[in-house]
Protein backbone atom coordinates (compact mmCIF):
# COMPACT_ATOMS: atom_id res chain seq x y z
CA UNK A 1 3.57 14.35 -2.73
CA UNK A 2 0.52 13.26 -0.71
CA UNK A 3 0.81 9.70 0.57
CA UNK A 4 -1.87 7.59 2.21
CA UNK A 5 -0.99 4.69 4.49
CA UNK A 6 -3.98 2.41 4.27
CA UNK A 7 -4.29 -0.25 6.95
CA UNK A 8 -6.27 -3.34 6.06
CA UNK A 9 -6.17 -6.88 7.37
CA UNK A 10 -4.46 -6.71 10.77
CA UNK A 11 -4.18 -10.52 10.95
CA UNK A 12 -1.92 -10.36 7.92
CA UNK A 13 1.75 -10.94 8.87
CA UNK A 14 2.69 -7.98 6.69
CA UNK A 15 0.68 -5.55 8.84
CA UNK A 16 3.64 -5.06 11.18
CA UNK A 17 5.84 -4.10 8.23
CA UNK A 18 3.31 -1.49 7.12
CA UNK A 19 3.09 -0.12 10.68
CA UNK A 20 6.86 0.15 10.81
CA UNK A 21 6.96 2.01 7.48
CA UNK A 22 4.26 4.38 8.71
CA UNK A 23 6.11 5.07 11.96
CA UNK A 24 9.15 6.17 9.96
CA UNK A 25 7.11 8.64 7.91
CA UNK A 26 4.25 9.74 10.18
CA UNK A 27 5.85 13.03 11.21
CA UNK A 28 6.32 14.24 7.66
CA UNK A 29 3.89 16.58 6.00
CA UNK A 30 1.32 15.25 3.57
CA UNK A 31 1.14 11.81 5.17
CA UNK A 32 -2.35 10.44 5.74
CA UNK A 33 -3.55 7.32 7.54
CA UNK A 34 -6.84 5.45 7.12
CA UNK A 35 -8.36 2.02 7.61
CA UNK A 36 -9.53 0.37 4.38
CA UNK A 37 -13.17 0.49 5.49
CA UNK A 38 -12.96 4.30 5.75
CA UNK A 39 -11.56 4.80 2.24
CA UNK A 40 -13.69 6.62 -0.34
CA UNK A 41 -12.97 7.99 -3.77
CA UNK A 42 -13.90 11.44 -2.47
CA UNK A 43 -11.21 11.17 0.22
CA UNK A 44 -8.58 10.37 -2.40
CA UNK A 45 -9.63 13.29 -4.60
CA UNK A 46 -10.20 15.83 -1.80
CA UNK A 47 -6.76 15.13 -0.29
CA UNK A 48 -4.94 14.91 -3.65
CA UNK A 49 -3.52 11.49 -2.77
CA UNK A 50 -0.78 10.46 -5.19
CA UNK A 51 0.56 7.29 -3.52
CA UNK A 52 -1.28 4.64 -1.50
CA UNK A 53 0.76 2.26 0.66
CA UNK A 54 -1.10 -0.71 2.10
CA UNK A 55 -0.72 -4.28 3.35
CA UNK A 56 -3.95 -5.52 1.80
CA UNK A 57 -6.64 -4.14 -0.49
CA UNK A 58 -9.67 -5.43 -2.33
CA UNK A 59 -8.83 -5.71 -6.03
CA UNK A 60 -11.48 -3.15 -7.02
CA UNK A 61 -9.50 -0.37 -5.35
CA UNK A 62 -6.56 -0.94 -7.70
CA UNK A 63 -8.80 -0.09 -10.64
CA UNK A 64 -9.88 3.11 -8.88
CA UNK A 65 -6.25 4.05 -8.22
CA UNK A 66 -5.29 3.48 -11.85
CA UNK A 67 -8.21 5.61 -13.00
CA UNK A 68 -7.14 8.43 -10.69
CA UNK A 69 -3.44 8.13 -11.54
CA UNK A 70 -2.51 7.01 -8.02
CA UNK A 71 0.52 4.77 -7.50
CA UNK A 72 -0.19 1.71 -5.35
CA UNK A 73 2.47 0.12 -3.17
CA UNK A 74 1.50 -3.06 -1.36
CA UNK A 75 3.48 -4.77 1.38
CA UNK A 76 1.99 -8.24 1.11
CA UNK A 77 2.18 -11.61 -0.61
CA UNK A 78 3.52 -11.15 -4.14
CA UNK A 79 1.15 -13.73 -5.60
CA UNK A 80 -1.93 -11.98 -4.33
CA UNK A 81 -1.16 -8.51 -5.72
CA UNK A 82 1.28 -8.96 -8.60
CA UNK A 83 -1.33 -8.35 -11.29
CA UNK A 84 -2.89 -5.24 -9.78
CA UNK A 85 -0.46 -3.24 -7.64
CA UNK A 86 2.16 -0.97 -9.18
CA UNK A 87 4.80 -2.06 -6.64
CA UNK A 88 4.66 -5.10 -4.37
CA UNK A 89 7.11 -5.59 -1.51
CA UNK A 90 7.16 -9.15 -0.15
CA UNK A 91 9.87 -9.79 2.43
CA UNK A 92 8.80 -13.43 2.74
CA UNK A 93 9.22 -14.39 -0.93
CA UNK A 94 12.28 -16.02 -2.47
CA UNK A 95 11.68 -14.65 -6.00
CA UNK A 96 14.55 -12.19 -6.28
CA UNK A 97 14.65 -11.88 -10.05
CA UNK A 98 12.34 -8.94 -10.63
CA UNK A 99 10.46 -8.05 -7.47
CA UNK A 100 11.16 -6.34 -4.14
CA UNK A 101 11.39 -9.57 -2.18
CA UNK A 102 13.35 -11.09 0.65
CA UNK A 103 14.38 -9.85 4.10
CA UNK A 104 16.29 -6.88 2.66
CA UNK A 105 12.99 -5.23 1.74
């Protein structure tokens, strides 16, 4: 499975969490890394990306991912991405009913 770690807003407090996740996976095969500004639809298609993991994305990209059948995982504020991302991980949120939230994640 081809995964893309997509780094966005570095001022975002979740950026460190994304960097930590990348460091745990960077030596595996089929792991890609880009900055949001470098992302193109052609890159996603040419590299057969199946999963995108990011800490921030413009909402338009989620529509592109859905159209291409790409799963989006966002490590960021749950309120900002709940409607668009497939999976949101928010370690700072207290909503533990149905989301990946809290320090455990």
